[in-house]
Amino acid sequence: SQIIREDQHSLYGFIDENEKKVFDTLIKLNGIGPSTALAVCSTLSPDDFAQALISQNISAFQKVPGIGPKSAKRILVELSDFSLQLLNDEYTNSSIQEASMALESLGFKKESIKKVLSNIQGSETQTIIKEALKKLG
């Protein structure tokens, strides 16, 4: 993520795409800057972050340096629907990976599998495979 301000340009890198999503979402909140967002990312994994949001666990956020009770409550209130989106994205990505491996084991080429899977909507592995088989012929 790149953050450009009048007096500085900052670049933040992440190994995991979900960690980047957490960071980008946090810095959009009022009162949460890049350093606090980084502290959250280094203290809580994306899964732990989502679990803390789902279970409304204020103490998990208070463990992060720079976040007190008020900030923790604000994060929970403002991001209540974000955790569901994060978990749904992870579920969909793993289903697509499973479908890709299954189709590859059936003898289809990686290039054609990738092309077909990019056009399929669905979250369950079984549904994705059925649709892909129809399109692959």
N, C-alpha and C. Protein backbone atom coordinates (compact mmCIF):
# COMPACT_ATOMS: atom_id res chain seq x y z
N SER A 1 0.84 -1.18 0.00
CA SER A 1 0.00 0.00 0.00
C SER A 1 0.88 1.23 0.00
N GLN A 2 0.50 2.19 -0.79
CA GLN A 2 1.23 3.44 -0.84
C GLN A 2 0.36 4.54 -0.26
N ILE A 3 0.93 5.31 0.64
CA ILE A 3 0.22 6.43 1.26
C ILE A 3 0.98 7.70 0.93
N ILE A 4 0.28 8.63 0.28
CA ILE A 4 0.91 9.88 -0.12
C ILE A 4 0.26 11.02 0.65
N ARG A 5 1.10 11.77 1.34
CA ARG A 5 0.64 12.94 2.08
C ARG A 5 1.47 14.13 1.62
N GLU A 6 1.08 15.31 2.05
CA GLU A 6 1.80 16.52 1.64
C GLU A 6 3.28 16.46 1.98
N ASP A 7 3.60 15.94 3.15
CA ASP A 7 4.98 15.97 3.62
C ASP A 7 5.73 14.64 3.53
N GLN A 8 5.07 13.57 3.10
CA GLN A 8 5.77 12.29 3.02
C GLN A 8 5.08 11.30 2.09
N HIS A 9 5.89 10.40 1.56
CA HIS A 9 5.41 9.27 0.77
C HIS A 9 5.80 8.02 1.53
N SER A 10 4.85 7.13 1.79
CA SER A 10 5.14 5.91 2.53
C SER A 10 4.69 4.70 1.73
N LEU A 11 5.48 3.65 1.78
CA LEU A 11 5.16 2.42 1.08
C LEU A 11 5.17 1.28 2.09
N TYR A 12 4.09 0.51 2.13
CA TYR A 12 3.95 -0.60 3.07
C TYR A 12 3.76 -1.88 2.26
N GLY A 13 4.53 -2.92 2.59
CA GLY A 13 4.43 -4.19 1.89
C GLY A 13 3.91 -5.29 2.79
N PHE A 14 3.20 -6.23 2.17
CA PHE A 14 2.60 -7.33 2.93
C PHE A 14 2.81 -8.64 2.19
N ILE A 15 3.01 -9.70 2.94
CA ILE A 15 3.18 -11.02 2.36
C ILE A 15 1.83 -11.60 1.97
N ASP A 16 0.83 -11.34 2.79
CA ASP A 16 -0.49 -11.93 2.62
C ASP A 16 -1.48 -10.87 2.11
N GLU A 17 -2.28 -11.22 1.12
CA GLU A 17 -3.29 -10.30 0.56
C GLU A 17 -4.31 -9.88 1.61
N ASN A 18 -4.71 -10.82 2.47
CA ASN A 18 -5.69 -10.48 3.51
C ASN A 18 -5.13 -9.50 4.53
N GLU A 19 -3.84 -9.61 4.80
CA GLU A 19 -3.20 -8.66 5.72
C GLU A 19 -3.25 -7.24 5.12
N LYS A 20 -3.05 -7.15 3.82
CA LYS A 20 -3.13 -5.86 3.13
C LYS A 20 -4.55 -5.31 3.20
N LYS A 21 -5.54 -6.19 3.04
CA LYS A 21 -6.95 -5.76 3.13
C LYS A 21 -7.25 -5.20 4.52
N VAL A 22 -6.75 -5.88 5.55
CA VAL A 22 -6.96 -5.42 6.92
C VAL A 22 -6.33 -4.04 7.09
N PHE A 23 -5.09 -3.88 6.65
CA PHE A 23 -4.38 -2.60 6.76
C PHE A 23 -5.13 -1.49 6.03
N ASP A 24 -5.48 -1.74 4.77
CA ASP A 24 -6.18 -0.73 3.97
C ASP A 24 -7.51 -0.34 4.59
N THR A 25 -8.20 -1.30 5.16
CA THR A 25 -9.49 -1.01 5.80
C THR A 25 -9.30 -0.20 7.07
N LEU A 26 -8.30 -0.56 7.86
CA LEU A 26 -8.06 0.15 9.12
C LEU A 26 -7.66 1.61 8.91
N ILE A 27 -6.83 1.88 7.90
CA ILE A 27 -6.38 3.27 7.73
C ILE A 27 -7.49 4.18 7.22
N LYS A 28 -8.57 3.60 6.74
CA LYS A 28 -9.72 4.41 6.32
C LYS A 28 -10.54 4.89 7.52
N LEU A 29 -10.35 4.27 8.67
CA LEU A 29 -11.10 4.65 9.86
C LEU A 29 -10.55 5.95 10.45
N ASN A 30 -11.44 6.75 10.97
CA ASN A 30 -11.05 8.00 11.60
C ASN A 30 -10.25 7.71 12.88
N GLY A 31 -9.07 8.31 12.99
CA GLY A 31 -8.26 8.14 14.19
C GLY A 31 -7.29 6.97 14.13
N ILE A 32 -7.31 6.20 13.05
CA ILE A 32 -6.38 5.08 12.89
C ILE A 32 -5.43 5.41 11.75
N GLY A 33 -4.17 5.58 12.08
CA GLY A 33 -3.18 5.89 11.06
C GLY A 33 -2.41 4.65 10.64
N PRO A 34 -1.46 4.83 9.73
CA PRO A 34 -0.67 3.70 9.25
C PRO A 34 0.11 2.97 10.35
N SER A 35 0.65 3.71 11.31
CA SER A 35 1.44 3.04 12.36
C SER A 35 0.55 2.18 13.25
N THR A 36 -0.65 2.66 13.57
CA THR A 36 -1.58 1.85 14.37
C THR A 36 -2.08 0.66 13.57
N ALA A 37 -2.36 0.88 12.28
CA ALA A 37 -2.82 -0.22 11.42
C ALA A 37 -1.74 -1.29 11.31
N LEU A 38 -0.48 -0.87 11.19
CA LEU A 38 0.62 -1.84 11.16
C LEU A 38 0.74 -2.59 12.47
N ALA A 39 0.52 -1.89 13.57
CA ALA A 39 0.57 -2.54 14.88
C ALA A 39 -0.51 -3.61 14.99
N VAL A 40 -1.70 -3.32 14.45
CA VAL A 40 -2.78 -4.32 14.45
C VAL A 40 -2.37 -5.52 13.62
N CYS A 41 -1.82 -5.26 12.42
CA CYS A 41 -1.42 -6.35 11.52
C CYS A 41 -0.30 -7.21 12.12
N SER A 42 0.59 -6.59 12.88
CA SER A 42 1.68 -7.38 13.47
C SER A 42 1.24 -8.11 14.74
N THR A 43 0.17 -7.62 15.38
CA THR A 43 -0.32 -8.27 16.60
C THR A 43 -1.35 -9.35 16.29
N LEU A 44 -2.23 -9.09 15.34
CA LEU A 44 -3.31 -10.03 15.00
C LEU A 44 -3.16 -10.50 13.55
N SER A 45 -3.24 -11.80 13.34
CA SER A 45 -3.27 -12.31 11.97
C SER A 45 -4.62 -11.95 11.36
N PRO A 46 -4.76 -12.00 10.03
CA PRO A 46 -6.07 -11.70 9.43
C PRO A 46 -7.19 -12.58 9.99
N ASP A 47 -6.88 -13.85 10.26
CA ASP A 47 -7.89 -14.74 10.84
C ASP A 47 -8.27 -14.31 12.26
N ASP A 48 -7.25 -13.97 13.06
CA ASP A 48 -7.52 -13.50 14.43
C ASP A 48 -8.28 -12.19 14.41
N PHE A 49 -7.94 -11.32 13.47
CA PHE A 49 -8.63 -10.04 13.31
C PHE A 49 -10.11 -10.28 13.01
N ALA A 50 -10.38 -11.17 12.05
CA ALA A 50 -11.77 -11.48 11.69
C ALA A 50 -12.51 -12.12 12.86
N GLN A 51 -11.85 -13.03 13.57
CA GLN A 51 -12.49 -13.67 14.72
C GLN A 51 -12.80 -12.66 15.82
N ALA A 52 -11.88 -11.72 16.05
CA ALA A 52 -12.11 -10.69 17.06
C ALA A 52 -13.30 -9.81 16.68
N LEU A 53 -13.44 -9.53 15.39
CA LEU A 53 -14.59 -8.73 14.94
C LEU A 53 -15.89 -9.50 15.10
N ILE A 54 -15.88 -10.77 14.69
CA ILE A 54 -17.09 -11.59 14.77
C ILE A 54 -17.54 -11.77 16.21
N SER A 55 -16.58 -12.05 17.10
CA SER A 55 -16.93 -12.30 18.50
C SER A 55 -17.00 -11.01 19.33
N GLN A 56 -16.79 -9.86 18.66
CA GLN A 56 -16.82 -8.56 19.36
C GLN A 56 -15.86 -8.54 20.54
N ASN A 57 -14.64 -9.05 20.34
CA ASN A 57 -13.63 -9.19 21.37
C ASN A 57 -12.80 -7.91 21.51
N ILE A 58 -13.24 -7.04 22.41
CA ILE A 58 -12.55 -5.76 22.62
C ILE A 58 -11.14 -5.98 23.15
N SER A 59 -10.96 -6.96 24.03
CA SER A 59 -9.64 -7.18 24.64
C SER A 59 -8.58 -7.56 23.61
N ALA A 60 -8.97 -8.24 22.52
CA ALA A 60 -8.01 -8.59 21.47
C ALA A 60 -7.42 -7.33 20.85
N PHE A 61 -8.25 -6.32 20.64
CA PHE A 61 -7.77 -5.07 20.05
C PHE A 61 -7.00 -4.22 21.06
N GLN A 62 -7.34 -4.36 22.34
CA GLN A 62 -6.64 -3.59 23.36
C GLN A 62 -5.22 -4.11 23.59
N LYS A 63 -4.92 -5.32 23.13
CA LYS A 63 -3.56 -5.85 23.23
C LYS A 63 -2.62 -5.15 22.25
N VAL A 64 -3.20 -4.50 21.24
CA VAL A 64 -2.40 -3.80 20.24
C VAL A 64 -1.89 -2.49 20.83
N PRO A 65 -0.58 -2.23 20.74
CA PRO A 65 -0.05 -0.96 21.25
C PRO A 65 -0.69 0.23 20.52
N GLY A 66 -1.18 1.19 21.30
CA GLY A 66 -1.78 2.38 20.71
C GLY A 66 -3.29 2.33 20.59
N ILE A 67 -3.89 1.21 20.97
CA ILE A 67 -5.35 1.09 20.91
C ILE A 67 -5.90 0.92 22.32
N GLY A 68 -6.74 1.86 22.71
CA GLY A 68 -7.39 1.81 24.01
C GLY A 68 -8.82 1.33 23.87
N PRO A 69 -9.60 1.40 24.94
CA PRO A 69 -10.98 0.91 24.91
C PRO A 69 -11.87 1.64 23.90
N LYS A 70 -11.71 2.96 23.78
CA LYS A 70 -12.54 3.72 22.84
C LYS A 70 -12.23 3.34 21.40
N SER A 71 -10.95 3.27 21.06
CA SER A 71 -10.56 2.89 19.70
C SER A 71 -11.00 1.47 19.38
N ALA A 72 -10.86 0.58 20.34
CA ALA A 72 -11.26 -0.81 20.14
C ALA A 72 -12.76 -0.91 19.85
N LYS A 73 -13.56 -0.18 20.62
CA LYS A 73 -15.01 -0.19 20.39
C LYS A 73 -15.36 0.39 19.03
N ARG A 74 -14.68 1.48 18.65
CA ARG A 74 -14.95 2.10 17.36
C ARG A 74 -14.61 1.15 16.21
N ILE A 75 -13.50 0.44 16.32
CA ILE A 75 -13.12 -0.54 15.29
C ILE A 75 -14.20 -1.60 15.17
N LEU A 76 -14.66 -2.12 16.30
CA LEU A 76 -15.69 -3.17 16.27
C LEU A 76 -16.99 -2.67 15.64
N VAL A 77 -17.38 -1.45 15.96
CA VAL A 77 -18.64 -0.92 15.42
C VAL A 77 -18.52 -0.64 13.92
N GLU A 78 -17.43 0.03 13.53
CA GLU A 78 -17.30 0.45 12.14
C GLU A 78 -16.96 -0.70 11.18
N LEU A 79 -16.40 -1.77 11.70
CA LEU A 79 -15.99 -2.87 10.82
C LEU A 79 -16.77 -4.16 11.05
N SER A 80 -17.98 -4.05 11.55
CA SER A 80 -18.74 -5.26 11.87
C SER A 80 -19.00 -6.14 10.64
N ASP A 81 -19.18 -5.56 9.45
CA ASP A 81 -19.45 -6.37 8.26
C ASP A 81 -18.17 -6.77 7.52
N PHE A 82 -17.04 -6.15 7.83
CA PHE A 82 -15.80 -6.44 7.14
C PHE A 82 -15.33 -7.88 7.37
N SER A 83 -15.51 -8.40 8.59
CA SER A 83 -15.03 -9.75 8.91
C SER A 83 -15.74 -10.80 8.06
N LEU A 84 -17.01 -10.61 7.81
CA LEU A 84 -17.76 -11.56 6.99
C LEU A 84 -17.23 -11.56 5.56
N GLN A 85 -16.91 -10.39 5.04
CA GLN A 85 -16.36 -10.28 3.69
C GLN A 85 -15.00 -10.95 3.62
N LEU A 86 -14.16 -10.74 4.63
CA LEU A 86 -12.83 -11.32 4.67
C LEU A 86 -12.89 -12.84 4.70
N LEU A 87 -13.73 -13.39 5.55
CA LEU A 87 -13.86 -14.84 5.65
C LEU A 87 -14.45 -15.43 4.37
N ASN A 88 -15.41 -14.74 3.75
CA ASN A 88 -16.01 -15.21 2.51
C ASN A 88 -14.99 -15.23 1.38
N ASP A 89 -14.11 -14.22 1.30
CA ASP A 89 -13.07 -14.19 0.28
C ASP A 89 -12.11 -15.35 0.45
N GLU A 90 -11.72 -15.65 1.69
CA GLU A 90 -10.82 -16.77 1.95
C GLU A 90 -11.46 -18.09 1.54
N TYR A 91 -12.76 -18.25 1.85
CA TYR A 91 -13.47 -19.48 1.52
C TYR A 91 -13.53 -19.66 0.01
N THR A 92 -13.85 -18.60 -0.71
CA THR A 92 -13.96 -18.66 -2.16
C THR A 92 -12.62 -19.00 -2.79
N ASN A 93 -11.53 -18.36 -2.33
CA ASN A 93 -10.21 -18.62 -2.88
C ASN A 93 -9.78 -20.07 -2.67
N SER A 94 -10.04 -20.64 -1.50
CA SER A 94 -9.66 -22.03 -1.26
C SER A 94 -10.50 -22.97 -2.11
N SER A 95 -11.76 -22.64 -2.35
CA SER A 95 -12.62 -23.47 -3.19
C SER A 95 -12.13 -23.46 -4.63
N ILE A 96 -11.70 -22.31 -5.11
CA ILE A 96 -11.18 -22.21 -6.48
C ILE A 96 -9.89 -23.01 -6.61
N GLN A 97 -9.03 -22.95 -5.60
CA GLN A 97 -7.79 -23.72 -5.63
C GLN A 97 -8.07 -25.22 -5.64
N GLU A 98 -9.02 -25.65 -4.82
CA GLU A 98 -9.39 -27.07 -4.79
C GLU A 98 -9.96 -27.51 -6.14
N ALA A 99 -10.81 -26.68 -6.72
CA ALA A 99 -11.41 -27.00 -8.02
C ALA A 99 -10.32 -27.08 -9.09
N SER A 100 -9.37 -26.17 -9.05
CA SER A 100 -8.27 -26.17 -10.01
C SER A 100 -7.45 -27.45 -9.92
N MET A 101 -7.14 -27.89 -8.70
CA MET A 101 -6.37 -29.13 -8.53
C MET A 101 -7.17 -30.34 -9.01
N ALA A 102 -8.47 -30.34 -8.75
CA ALA A 102 -9.31 -31.46 -9.18
C ALA A 102 -9.36 -31.54 -10.70
N LEU A 103 -9.54 -30.40 -11.35
CA LEU A 103 -9.61 -30.38 -12.81
C LEU A 103 -8.26 -30.76 -13.44
N GLU A 104 -7.19 -30.35 -12.80
CA GLU A 104 -5.85 -30.70 -13.28
C GLU A 104 -5.63 -32.21 -13.18
N SER A 105 -6.13 -32.81 -12.11
CA SER A 105 -5.98 -34.26 -11.95
C SER A 105 -6.82 -35.04 -12.96
N LEU A 106 -7.83 -34.36 -13.52
CA LEU A 106 -8.64 -34.99 -14.57
C LEU A 106 -8.00 -34.85 -15.95
N GLY A 107 -6.87 -34.16 -16.02
CA GLY A 107 -6.12 -34.07 -17.26
C GLY A 107 -6.27 -32.77 -18.03
N PHE A 108 -6.98 -31.80 -17.51
CA PHE A 108 -7.12 -30.52 -18.20
C PHE A 108 -5.85 -29.70 -18.00
N LYS A 109 -5.56 -28.83 -18.99
CA LYS A 109 -4.36 -28.01 -18.93
C LYS A 109 -4.57 -26.81 -18.01
N LYS A 110 -3.48 -26.40 -17.35
CA LYS A 110 -3.55 -25.29 -16.39
C LYS A 110 -4.07 -24.00 -17.02
N GLU A 111 -3.63 -23.72 -18.25
CA GLU A 111 -4.03 -22.47 -18.91
C GLU A 111 -5.54 -22.43 -19.12
N SER A 112 -6.10 -23.52 -19.62
CA SER A 112 -7.55 -23.54 -19.88
C SER A 112 -8.33 -23.55 -18.57
N ILE A 113 -7.81 -24.21 -17.55
CA ILE A 113 -8.47 -24.22 -16.24
C ILE A 113 -8.53 -22.80 -15.68
N LYS A 114 -7.40 -22.11 -15.74
CA LYS A 114 -7.32 -20.75 -15.21
C LYS A 114 -8.30 -19.82 -15.93
N LYS A 115 -8.37 -19.95 -17.24
CA LYS A 115 -9.25 -19.11 -18.04
C LYS A 115 -10.72 -19.36 -17.69
N VAL A 116 -11.09 -20.62 -17.55
CA VAL A 116 -12.48 -20.98 -17.23
C VAL A 116 -12.84 -20.56 -15.81
N LEU A 117 -11.96 -20.82 -14.85
CA LEU A 117 -12.25 -20.50 -13.45
C LEU A 117 -12.39 -19.01 -13.20
N SER A 118 -11.72 -18.20 -14.00
CA SER A 118 -11.83 -16.75 -13.81
C SER A 118 -13.22 -16.22 -14.16
N ASN A 119 -13.99 -16.99 -14.92
CA ASN A 119 -15.33 -16.56 -15.34
C ASN A 119 -16.45 -17.23 -14.56
N ILE A 120 -16.11 -18.03 -13.56
CA ILE A 120 -17.13 -18.77 -12.82
C ILE A 120 -17.41 -18.10 -11.48
N GLN A 121 -18.69 -17.93 -11.19
CA GLN A 121 -19.12 -17.39 -9.90
C GLN A 121 -19.59 -18.56 -9.04
N GLY A 122 -19.19 -18.58 -7.81
CA GLY A 122 -19.61 -19.64 -6.91
C GLY A 122 -18.66 -19.73 -5.74
N SER A 123 -19.13 -20.33 -4.65
CA SER A 123 -18.27 -20.40 -3.48
C SER A 123 -17.99 -21.84 -3.07
N GLU A 124 -18.78 -22.78 -3.54
CA GLU A 124 -18.57 -24.18 -3.17
C GLU A 124 -17.74 -24.88 -4.24
N THR A 125 -16.79 -25.68 -3.80
CA THR A 125 -15.90 -26.39 -4.71
C THR A 125 -16.67 -27.23 -5.71
N GLN A 126 -17.66 -27.96 -5.24
CA GLN A 126 -18.45 -28.84 -6.09
C GLN A 126 -19.14 -28.06 -7.22
N THR A 127 -19.73 -26.93 -6.90
CA THR A 127 -20.42 -26.10 -7.88
C THR A 127 -19.43 -25.56 -8.91
N ILE A 128 -18.28 -25.12 -8.43
CA ILE A 128 -17.25 -24.57 -9.33
C ILE A 128 -16.78 -25.64 -10.31
N ILE A 129 -16.55 -26.86 -9.82
CA ILE A 129 -16.10 -27.95 -10.69
C ILE A 129 -17.15 -28.28 -11.74
N LYS A 130 -18.42 -28.36 -11.34
CA LYS A 130 -19.49 -28.67 -12.29
C LYS A 130 -19.55 -27.64 -13.41
N GLU A 131 -19.50 -26.36 -13.04
CA GLU A 131 -19.55 -25.29 -14.04
C GLU A 131 -18.33 -25.34 -14.96
N ALA A 132 -17.17 -25.60 -14.39
CA ALA A 132 -15.94 -25.66 -15.18
C ALA A 132 -15.99 -26.83 -16.16
N LEU A 133 -16.50 -27.97 -15.71
CA LEU A 133 -16.60 -29.13 -16.60
C LEU A 133 -17.53 -28.86 -17.78
N LYS A 134 -18.62 -28.14 -17.53
CA LYS A 134 -19.54 -27.76 -18.61
C LYS A 134 -18.83 -26.90 -19.65
N LYS A 135 -18.02 -25.96 -19.18
CA LYS A 135 -17.34 -25.04 -20.09
C LYS A 135 -16.12 -25.67 -20.78
N LEU A 136 -15.48 -26.60 -20.09
CA LEU A 136 -14.30 -27.25 -20.67
C LEU A 136 -14.68 -28.33 -21.67
N GLY A 137 -15.92 -28.77 -21.58
CA GLY A 137 -16.44 -29.71 -22.57
C GLY A 137 -16.16 -31.12 -22.23
